[in-house]
Amino acid sequence: MTSKFMSLETSNMYDVVIIGAGVCGTSLLYTLSNYTNVKKIALIEKNPAVALVNSHKTSNSQTLHFGDIETNYTLEKATKVNRAATLVKNYLLQRDSQRIIHTKYHKMVLAVGHQQVEKLRSRYQEFKSLFPALRLLNREEIESLEPKVLEERPADEEIIALFTPEGYTINFQKLAESFLDNALKQEEKTIDVMMETKVTKIVKQNNLYLIKAGQKNLVAKTVAVMAGAHSLLIAKSLGYGKQYALLSAAGSFYFAPEMLKGKVYTVQRQKLPFAAIHGDPEVDNPHVTRFGPTAKVLPMLERHHYATIYEYFQTAGLSFRAFQSFFKILSDITIFKYILLNFLYDIPVLGKRLFIREVKKIIPSIKLKDLNYAKGYGGIRPQIVNLETQSLDLGEAKIVGDKIIFNITPSPGASTCLQNAEDDTTRIVNFLGDRYYFNQQKFQEDLEAIATTI
């Protein structure tokens, strides 16, 4: 196989091969094509179109996270995430004036009860300098913006909200399509897009990567694996990431008739790595409100694709150390109870009766008949398990090897795709050597300095 690969170096040689055409893979392609002198790039995707897995609108919470109302973020993390999400926001302000990809709403996080109220007041004082648009709302102000939040809520219940008008709902599949379209406009570049092409083998030889992709044999100077949970499986096939396993958290949603005018979050529970329940209008249908996500652990790399169960166990490994790590994590009583309850949310009849208790924290007047399980919705968010520390490694999971990058799960997901692309473009150009450059100043000028009034 090696000699056959090497005979194809001239015709099938690429500067960069990107594996995975979700929003992260396509944002990297966009950045490489628009801001570097990299001439020949291949984008490989096993599905028939871009962003059909976790970047699809049915598979994520459709939220652009800035860190302003995500109450599990520290100020340090929020500072980084805010910069990253602003790159995406500014890209959309430039290229999506018709709001085909995104919708802008207000958003708020509710604090109910004295303990949460005091926590939110303290948070506001800490975060207001980073987010000047943040405001604390009293009961009357909340009611004027989101009447359903106060409808049938006890009059003596203490409640405030942290509010910002800067709320964005994103169809990340359409964003990925936009990245791809704008990359392909660079006619001086050779960009080969290979859909319905699965990578079955990668071998490193003579400082090059030899890639078996469908019926094609490719040779790459550098490789970026942007295949979500599959990235760790590919990394392990090349000897990387052996100290990691995956805890795959599957999110589900419920639909209700129009009840909210913007995004409304609840306060994040401590110790949980999963997003707090929130409600917001669907990105392409404001007359439908989506509530979620739930989070249950499934031994899969892709939601609703049962063939990936085998691949999950290949990735996780069946070692004693892996079982010991999972047992230690799941034996935490807070995490165990949360995961058990989230399994029950997906059970017909019972699940809705249990989940409505969470939704009532946002909409007290909601009735059981208003909620419907969003069948077919929900994706997989891989959480990294560190087998050495026997703990969850929260946040971004990236492995950088010898002229190869594996992105398993950027944090917080698609919101950081352009920041991730900027970082990986810097690495790739360094991998390629002195003849290559990244015009990072132009990248930043294009995406950091757009007036918010556009």
Protein backbone atom coordinates (compact mmCIF):
# COMPACT_ATOMS: atom_id res chain seq x y z
CA MET A 1 0.00 0.00 0.00
CA THR A 2 2.84 2.38 0.80
CA SER A 3 4.43 2.18 -2.65
CA LYS A 4 1.06 2.81 -4.26
CA PHE A 5 0.58 5.87 -2.07
CA MET A 6 4.01 7.24 -2.84
CA SER A 7 3.54 6.90 -6.58
CA LEU A 8 0.63 9.34 -6.31
CA GLU A 9 2.52 12.15 -4.53
CA THR A 10 2.51 14.57 -7.46
CA SER A 11 -1.12 14.32 -8.50
CA ASN A 12 -2.71 13.70 -5.09
CA MET A 13 -0.41 15.73 -2.85
CA TYR A 14 -2.11 18.32 -0.64
CA ASP A 15 -0.69 20.96 1.63
CA VAL A 16 -3.53 20.33 4.07
CA VAL A 17 -6.16 17.63 4.31
CA ILE A 18 -9.13 18.44 6.56
CA ILE A 19 -11.15 15.44 7.75
CA GLY A 20 -14.68 16.42 8.79
CA ALA A 21 -16.91 19.09 7.25
CA GLY A 22 -18.86 20.30 10.25
CA VAL A 23 -18.79 23.92 11.29
CA CYS A 24 -15.24 23.55 12.67
CA GLY A 25 -13.83 21.82 9.61
CA THR A 26 -15.40 24.33 7.22
CA SER A 27 -14.31 27.33 9.33
CA LEU A 28 -10.74 26.06 9.11
CA LEU A 29 -11.09 25.69 5.34
CA TYR A 30 -12.46 29.25 5.15
CA THR A 31 -9.55 30.63 7.17
CA LEU A 32 -6.88 28.72 5.24
CA SER A 33 -8.33 29.70 1.87
CA ASN A 34 -8.87 33.39 2.64
CA TYR A 35 -5.91 34.29 4.86
CA THR A 36 -2.96 32.04 3.94
CA ASN A 37 -0.91 31.19 0.87
CA VAL A 38 -1.70 27.49 1.25
CA LYS A 39 -2.46 26.44 -2.32
CA LYS A 40 -3.91 22.95 -2.25
CA ILE A 41 -6.48 21.74 0.31
CA ALA A 42 -8.76 18.71 0.49
CA LEU A 43 -11.92 18.60 2.60
CA ILE A 44 -13.16 15.07 3.28
CA GLU A 45 -16.63 14.31 4.66
CA LYS A 46 -18.24 10.88 5.05
CA ASN A 47 -21.77 12.29 4.70
CA PRO A 48 -23.39 13.60 1.47
CA ALA A 49 -23.33 17.25 2.64
CA VAL A 50 -21.65 19.46 5.22
CA ALA A 51 -22.69 19.67 8.87
CA LEU A 52 -25.09 16.74 9.05
CA VAL A 53 -23.92 15.51 12.47
CA ASN A 54 -23.44 17.74 15.54
CA SER A 55 -23.47 20.99 13.53
CA HIS A 56 -26.92 20.21 12.13
CA LYS A 57 -29.70 22.40 13.53
CA THR A 58 -31.42 19.41 15.13
CA SER A 59 -28.28 18.32 16.99
CA ASN A 60 -27.26 21.31 19.11
CA SER A 61 -28.73 24.09 21.22
CA GLN A 62 -28.53 26.65 18.35
CA THR A 63 -26.89 29.15 20.69
CA LEU A 64 -23.92 31.47 20.21
CA HIS A 65 -22.27 31.42 23.64
CA PHE A 66 -20.46 34.53 24.83
CA GLY A 67 -20.11 33.65 28.51
CA ASP A 68 -22.28 36.52 29.71
CA ILE A 69 -25.21 34.51 31.09
CA GLU A 70 -23.63 31.05 31.24
CA THR A 71 -23.33 30.87 35.01
CA ASN A 72 -20.84 27.99 34.99
CA TYR A 73 -18.20 30.19 33.28
CA THR A 74 -15.49 31.91 35.25
CA LEU A 75 -14.56 35.45 34.26
CA GLU A 76 -11.35 34.13 32.72
CA LYS A 77 -13.19 31.61 30.55
CA ALA A 78 -15.89 34.12 29.63
CA THR A 79 -13.20 36.56 28.43
CA LYS A 80 -11.83 33.96 26.02
CA VAL A 81 -15.22 32.73 24.86
CA ASN A 82 -16.51 36.27 24.34
CA ARG A 83 -13.67 37.05 21.94
CA ALA A 84 -14.21 33.76 20.09
CA ALA A 85 -17.99 34.15 19.76
CA THR A 86 -17.59 37.75 18.62
CA LEU A 87 -15.63 36.50 15.60
CA VAL A 88 -18.66 34.41 14.58
CA LYS A 89 -21.06 37.25 15.30
CA ASN A 90 -19.05 39.65 13.15
CA TYR A 91 -18.80 37.13 10.32
CA LEU A 92 -22.60 36.93 10.35
CA LEU A 93 -23.02 40.70 10.50
CA GLN A 94 -20.88 40.92 7.39
CA ARG A 95 -22.32 38.05 5.41
CA ASP A 96 -25.82 37.34 6.71
CA SER A 97 -27.63 40.67 6.60
CA GLN A 98 -30.83 38.88 5.51
CA ARG A 99 -30.62 36.70 8.65
CA ILE A 100 -30.86 33.43 6.80
CA ILE A 101 -28.27 31.84 9.10
CA HIS A 102 -29.01 33.61 12.37
CA THR A 103 -31.67 35.39 14.38
CA LYS A 104 -31.07 37.98 17.07
CA TYR A 105 -33.04 37.90 20.32
CA HIS A 106 -32.54 39.16 23.83
CA LYS A 107 -31.46 36.62 26.44
CA MET A 108 -31.51 36.33 30.20
CA VAL A 109 -30.69 33.94 33.01
CA LEU A 110 -33.23 33.66 35.83
CA ALA A 111 -32.31 33.53 39.51
CA VAL A 112 -35.12 32.18 41.67
CA GLY A 113 -34.92 32.13 45.43
CA HIS A 114 -32.65 34.07 47.79
CA GLN A 115 -29.52 31.97 47.24
CA GLN A 116 -29.61 32.20 43.44
CA VAL A 117 -30.52 35.89 43.55
CA GLU A 118 -27.51 36.75 45.69
CA LYS A 119 -25.26 34.66 43.46
CA LEU A 120 -26.49 36.45 40.35
CA ARG A 121 -26.10 39.90 41.89
CA SER A 122 -22.50 39.08 42.77
CA ARG A 123 -21.90 37.71 39.27
CA TYR A 124 -23.23 40.89 37.69
CA GLN A 125 -20.74 43.01 39.64
CA GLU A 126 -17.89 40.77 38.48
CA PHE A 127 -18.90 40.53 34.81
CA LYS A 128 -20.40 43.93 33.96
CA SER A 129 -17.09 45.46 32.88
CA LEU A 130 -16.53 42.65 30.36
CA PHE A 131 -20.13 42.83 29.11
CA PRO A 132 -21.28 46.49 29.22
CA ALA A 133 -24.72 45.59 27.82
CA LEU A 134 -25.54 43.38 30.84
CA ARG A 135 -28.35 44.57 33.13
CA LEU A 136 -30.02 43.24 36.23
CA LEU A 137 -33.79 43.09 35.83
CA ASN A 138 -36.34 43.17 38.63
CA ARG A 139 -39.64 41.32 38.60
CA GLU A 140 -41.56 44.00 36.70
CA GLU A 141 -38.86 44.37 34.04
CA ILE A 142 -38.77 40.61 33.48
CA GLU A 143 -42.54 40.55 33.08
CA SER A 144 -42.47 43.32 30.48
CA LEU A 145 -39.99 41.39 28.34
CA GLU A 146 -41.12 37.82 28.99
CA PRO A 147 -44.69 37.79 30.35
CA LYS A 148 -44.89 33.99 30.46
CA VAL A 149 -42.00 33.82 32.91
CA LEU A 150 -44.11 35.59 35.56
CA GLU A 151 -47.50 34.14 34.65
CA GLU A 152 -48.77 32.02 37.59
CA ARG A 153 -45.49 32.46 39.46
CA PRO A 154 -46.02 32.98 43.23
CA ALA A 155 -46.08 36.68 44.06
CA ASP A 156 -43.73 36.21 47.02
CA GLU A 157 -41.11 34.25 45.07
CA GLU A 158 -37.85 36.19 44.90
CA ILE A 159 -36.69 36.53 41.31
CA ILE A 160 -34.27 38.61 39.25
CA ALA A 161 -32.62 38.14 35.86
CA LEU A 162 -29.31 38.95 34.26
CA PHE A 163 -30.23 40.35 30.84
CA THR A 164 -28.53 41.32 27.59
CA PRO A 165 -29.95 42.29 24.19
CA GLU A 166 -27.03 40.42 22.54
CA GLY A 167 -28.58 36.99 22.02
CA TYR A 168 -27.95 35.06 18.80
CA THR A 169 -29.59 31.87 17.60
CA ILE A 170 -27.54 30.18 14.88
CA ASN A 171 -28.25 27.52 12.28
CA PHE A 172 -24.73 26.11 12.39
CA GLN A 173 -25.35 23.89 9.39
CA LYS A 174 -26.05 26.96 7.25
CA LEU A 175 -23.02 28.67 8.79
CA ALA A 176 -20.88 25.72 7.68
CA GLU A 177 -22.35 26.00 4.18
CA SER A 178 -21.44 29.70 4.16
CA PHE A 179 -17.85 28.96 5.20
CA LEU A 180 -17.55 26.40 2.40
CA ASP A 181 -19.09 28.70 -0.23
CA ASN A 182 -16.76 31.55 0.69
CA ALA A 183 -13.72 29.28 0.68
CA LEU A 184 -14.55 28.03 -2.82
CA LYS A 185 -14.62 31.61 -4.12
CA GLN A 186 -10.83 31.73 -3.83
CA GLU A 187 -10.22 30.68 -7.42
CA GLU A 188 -6.43 30.81 -7.16
CA LYS A 189 -6.56 27.91 -4.70
CA THR A 190 -7.11 24.23 -5.44
CA ILE A 191 -9.81 23.06 -3.03
CA ASP A 192 -11.09 19.54 -3.53
CA VAL A 193 -14.29 18.75 -1.63
CA MET A 194 -14.89 15.02 -1.24
CA MET A 195 -18.36 14.21 0.07
CA GLU A 196 -19.58 10.70 0.89
CA THR A 197 -15.94 9.75 1.38
CA LYS A 198 -14.88 7.91 4.51
CA VAL A 199 -11.30 7.89 5.75
CA THR A 200 -10.37 4.29 6.53
CA LYS A 201 -6.64 4.54 7.15
CA ILE A 202 -3.93 7.11 7.84
CA VAL A 203 -0.25 6.20 7.79
CA LYS A 204 2.72 8.50 8.42
CA GLN A 205 5.81 7.93 6.30
CA ASN A 206 8.75 10.07 5.24
CA ASN A 207 7.27 13.17 6.92
CA LEU A 208 4.03 12.82 4.96
CA TYR A 209 0.59 11.45 5.75
CA LEU A 210 -0.82 8.78 3.46
CA ILE A 211 -4.62 8.74 3.59
CA LYS A 212 -7.02 6.12 2.30
CA ALA A 213 -10.28 7.99 1.64
CA GLY A 214 -12.98 5.97 -0.08
CA GLN A 215 -11.48 4.79 -3.37
CA LYS A 216 -8.85 7.54 -3.31
CA ASN A 217 -5.30 7.57 -1.99
CA LEU A 218 -4.16 11.00 -0.83
CA VAL A 219 -0.86 12.37 0.39
CA ALA A 220 -0.80 15.30 2.82
CA LYS A 221 1.94 17.50 4.24
CA THR A 222 -0.33 18.28 7.21
CA VAL A 223 -3.66 16.93 8.47
CA ALA A 224 -6.46 18.46 10.56
CA VAL A 225 -8.93 15.92 11.94
CA MET A 226 -12.15 17.78 12.75
CA ALA A 227 -14.42 14.78 13.14
CA GLY A 228 -15.91 15.29 16.58
CA ALA A 229 -15.93 12.15 18.70
CA HIS A 230 -14.41 10.21 15.79
CA SER A 231 -11.27 12.37 16.09
CA LEU A 232 -10.13 10.49 19.18
CA LEU A 233 -10.63 7.16 17.42
CA ILE A 234 -8.43 8.35 14.54
CA ALA A 235 -5.88 9.80 16.97
CA LYS A 236 -5.56 6.47 18.75
CA SER A 237 -4.99 4.69 15.43
CA LEU A 238 -1.86 6.86 15.08
CA GLY A 239 -0.71 6.38 18.66
CA TYR A 240 -2.04 9.63 20.12
CA GLY A 241 -4.52 10.18 22.96
CA LYS A 242 -4.08 6.83 24.64
CA GLN A 243 -4.60 8.50 28.01
CA TYR A 244 -8.14 9.55 27.03
CA ALA A 245 -11.56 7.96 26.74
CA LEU A 246 -14.95 9.52 26.00
CA LEU A 247 -18.10 10.07 28.01
CA SER A 248 -20.66 10.75 25.30
CA ALA A 249 -23.44 13.04 26.51
CA ALA A 250 -26.54 12.92 24.31
CA GLY A 251 -28.82 15.95 24.42
CA SER A 252 -32.55 15.87 23.70
CA PHE A 253 -35.17 18.62 23.43
CA TYR A 254 -38.87 19.29 23.86
CA PHE A 255 -41.04 21.61 21.77
CA ALA A 256 -43.86 23.89 22.90
CA PRO A 257 -45.98 26.56 21.20
CA GLU A 258 -44.60 30.12 21.16
CA MET A 259 -43.96 31.11 24.77
CA LEU A 260 -40.72 33.08 24.82
CA LYS A 261 -39.57 36.14 22.91
CA GLY A 262 -35.89 35.46 23.56
CA LYS A 263 -33.56 33.02 25.24
CA VAL A 264 -34.22 32.29 28.91
CA TYR A 265 -31.72 30.24 30.91
CA THR A 266 -31.70 28.78 34.39
CA VAL A 267 -28.74 28.93 36.76
CA GLN A 268 -26.18 26.20 36.13
CA ARG A 269 -26.01 23.49 38.79
CA GLN A 270 -22.60 23.14 40.42
CA LYS A 271 -20.37 20.15 39.60
CA LEU A 272 -22.27 19.37 36.39
CA PRO A 273 -20.43 19.65 33.06
CA PHE A 274 -23.70 19.80 31.15
CA ALA A 275 -25.64 22.87 30.06
CA ALA A 276 -28.49 24.08 32.25
CA ILE A 277 -32.02 23.80 30.85
CA HIS A 278 -33.09 26.80 28.80
CA GLY A 279 -35.82 27.80 26.40
CA ASP A 280 -35.66 29.84 23.21
CA PRO A 281 -37.45 30.34 19.91
CA GLU A 282 -36.42 28.01 17.08
CA VAL A 283 -33.86 29.65 14.80
CA ASP A 284 -36.11 29.42 11.73
CA ASN A 285 -39.55 29.44 13.40
CA PRO A 286 -40.18 31.92 16.25
CA HIS A 287 -43.63 30.39 16.80
CA VAL A 288 -42.03 27.27 18.27
CA THR A 289 -40.16 27.32 21.59
CA ARG A 290 -37.50 24.70 22.21
CA PHE A 291 -36.62 23.57 25.74
CA GLY A 292 -33.52 21.59 26.70
CA PRO A 293 -31.07 20.11 26.40
CA THR A 294 -31.32 17.03 28.52
CA ALA A 295 -28.10 15.07 28.86
CA LYS A 296 -27.87 11.31 29.06
CA VAL A 297 -24.79 9.14 28.67
CA LEU A 298 -24.85 6.87 25.61
CA PRO A 299 -22.07 4.56 24.34
CA MET A 300 -22.14 6.06 20.85
CA LEU A 301 -20.02 8.42 18.77
CA GLU A 302 -23.04 9.73 16.82
CA ARG A 303 -26.62 10.12 17.99
CA HIS A 304 -29.14 7.83 16.28
CA HIS A 305 -26.29 5.94 14.51
CA TYR A 306 -26.14 2.63 16.32
CA ALA A 307 -23.23 1.39 14.20
CA THR A 308 -21.05 3.84 16.15
CA ILE A 309 -21.53 1.85 19.37
CA TYR A 310 -18.70 -0.47 18.32
CA GLU A 311 -16.55 2.54 17.43
CA TYR A 312 -17.29 4.04 20.85
CA PHE A 313 -15.90 1.01 22.64
CA GLN A 314 -12.89 1.04 20.31
CA THR A 315 -12.33 4.64 21.37
CA ALA A 316 -13.02 4.18 25.08
CA GLY A 317 -11.04 0.97 25.39
CA LEU A 318 -12.05 -1.91 27.62
CA SER A 319 -9.14 -1.65 30.02
CA PHE A 320 -9.43 -1.86 33.77
CA ARG A 321 -8.24 1.74 33.98
CA ALA A 322 -11.10 2.87 31.71
CA PHE A 323 -13.74 1.03 33.77
CA GLN A 324 -12.21 2.43 36.96
CA SER A 325 -12.33 5.98 35.59
CA PHE A 326 -15.96 5.73 34.48
CA PHE A 327 -16.97 4.22 37.81
CA LYS A 328 -15.26 7.00 39.74
CA ILE A 329 -16.92 9.74 37.67
CA LEU A 330 -20.41 8.22 37.65
CA SER A 331 -20.33 7.30 41.33
CA ASP A 332 -20.43 10.99 42.24
CA ILE A 333 -23.93 11.23 43.63
CA THR A 334 -24.73 14.56 41.96
CA ILE A 335 -23.65 13.37 38.51
CA PHE A 336 -25.24 9.94 38.94
CA LYS A 337 -28.65 11.34 39.95
CA TYR A 338 -28.52 13.86 37.11
CA ILE A 339 -27.69 11.22 34.49
CA LEU A 340 -30.34 8.81 35.81
CA LEU A 341 -33.01 11.51 35.69
CA ASN A 342 -31.99 12.49 32.16
CA PHE A 343 -32.40 8.90 31.00
CA LEU A 344 -35.97 9.05 32.24
CA TYR A 345 -36.70 12.25 30.28
CA ASP A 346 -36.61 10.28 27.02
CA ILE A 347 -39.13 7.66 28.12
CA PRO A 348 -42.58 8.18 26.52
CA VAL A 349 -45.27 9.57 28.86
CA LEU A 350 -43.06 9.43 31.98
CA GLY A 351 -40.32 11.59 30.48
CA LYS A 352 -42.62 14.50 29.72
CA ARG A 353 -44.14 14.40 33.20
CA LEU A 354 -40.70 14.62 34.76
CA PHE A 355 -39.22 17.17 32.33
CA ILE A 356 -42.10 19.62 32.76
CA ARG A 357 -40.88 20.25 36.31
CA GLU A 358 -37.69 21.73 34.84
CA VAL A 359 -39.59 23.77 32.25
CA LYS A 360 -41.87 25.17 34.97
CA LYS A 361 -38.82 26.85 36.47
CA ILE A 362 -38.96 29.04 33.36
CA ILE A 363 -42.67 28.96 32.43
CA PRO A 364 -44.74 28.18 35.57
CA SER A 365 -48.02 28.13 33.63
CA ILE A 366 -46.99 25.54 31.03
CA LYS A 367 -49.30 22.53 30.75
CA LEU A 368 -48.44 18.94 29.96
CA LYS A 369 -50.31 19.15 26.65
CA ASP A 370 -48.05 22.02 25.58
CA LEU A 371 -44.88 19.88 25.61
CA ASN A 372 -43.92 17.47 22.87
CA TYR A 373 -40.75 15.42 22.65
CA ALA A 374 -38.60 16.65 19.74
CA LYS A 375 -38.21 13.33 17.97
CA GLY A 376 -35.00 13.06 15.98
CA TYR A 377 -33.47 16.10 17.67
CA GLY A 378 -30.32 15.99 19.76
CA GLY A 379 -26.66 15.26 19.18
CA ILE A 380 -23.64 13.87 21.00
CA ARG A 381 -21.26 16.06 22.96
CA PRO A 382 -18.12 14.06 23.74
CA GLN A 383 -16.70 14.78 27.19
CA ILE A 384 -13.06 13.79 27.60
CA VAL A 385 -12.23 11.31 30.36
CA ASN A 386 -8.62 11.53 31.51
CA LEU A 387 -7.62 7.96 32.37
CA GLU A 388 -4.57 9.15 34.30
CA THR A 389 -6.46 11.46 36.68
CA GLN A 390 -9.71 9.44 36.41
CA SER A 391 -11.68 12.65 35.94
CA LEU A 392 -13.51 14.67 33.30
CA ASP A 393 -11.35 17.15 31.40
CA LEU A 394 -13.81 19.97 30.84
CA GLY A 395 -13.47 22.44 28.01
CA GLU A 396 -11.67 22.11 24.71
CA ALA A 397 -10.21 18.74 23.78
CA LYS A 398 -7.42 19.05 21.23
CA ILE A 399 -4.43 16.84 20.53
CA VAL A 400 -1.52 18.31 18.59
CA GLY A 401 0.84 15.79 17.05
CA ASP A 402 3.59 15.79 14.46
CA LYS A 403 2.09 17.91 11.67
CA ILE A 404 -1.37 16.67 12.60
CA ILE A 405 -4.16 18.13 14.76
CA PHE A 406 -7.11 16.29 16.30
CA ASN A 407 -10.06 18.42 17.41
CA ILE A 408 -12.41 16.30 19.49
CA THR A 409 -14.67 18.91 21.02
CA PRO A 410 -14.02 22.65 20.98
CA SER A 411 -15.48 24.49 23.95
CA PRO A 412 -18.18 25.70 24.00
CA GLY A 413 -18.85 23.96 20.73
CA ALA A 414 -19.52 25.78 17.49
CA SER A 415 -19.38 29.20 19.17
CA THR A 416 -15.58 29.05 19.11
CA CYS A 417 -15.19 27.67 15.58
CA LEU A 418 -13.41 30.72 14.11
CA GLN A 419 -11.13 31.10 17.12
CA ASN A 420 -10.35 27.43 16.79
CA ALA A 421 -9.67 27.94 13.08
CA GLU A 422 -7.35 30.87 13.82
CA ASP A 423 -5.37 28.83 16.33
CA ASP A 424 -5.15 25.78 14.06
CA THR A 425 -4.20 27.86 11.02
CA THR A 426 -1.25 29.24 13.00
CA ARG A 427 -0.18 25.69 13.86
CA ILE A 428 -0.62 24.42 10.29
CA VAL A 429 1.43 27.24 8.77
CA ASN A 430 4.18 26.50 11.29
CA PHE A 431 3.98 22.81 10.35
CA LEU A 432 4.37 23.67 6.66
CA GLY A 433 7.47 25.81 7.07
CA ASP A 434 8.91 29.20 6.21
CA ARG A 435 7.44 29.52 2.70
CA TYR A 436 3.93 29.66 4.14
CA TYR A 437 2.24 32.53 5.96
CA PHE A 438 -0.98 33.36 7.75
CA ASN A 439 -2.20 36.94 7.41
CA GLN A 440 -3.50 36.97 10.95
CA GLN A 441 -3.69 40.76 11.03
CA LYS A 442 -6.14 40.74 8.11
CA PHE A 443 -8.15 37.96 9.75
CA GLN A 444 -8.46 40.00 12.92
CA GLU A 445 -9.22 43.24 11.08
CA ASP A 446 -12.03 41.54 9.17
CA LEU A 447 -13.63 39.86 12.15
CA GLU A 448 -12.85 41.90 15.24
CA ALA A 449 -13.58 45.50 14.30
CA ILE A 450 -17.13 45.51 12.95
CA ALA A 451 -19.51 48.02 14.50
CA THR A 452 -22.25 46.35 16.50
CA THR A 453 -24.78 48.72 14.95
CA ILE A 454 -24.63 46.94 11.59
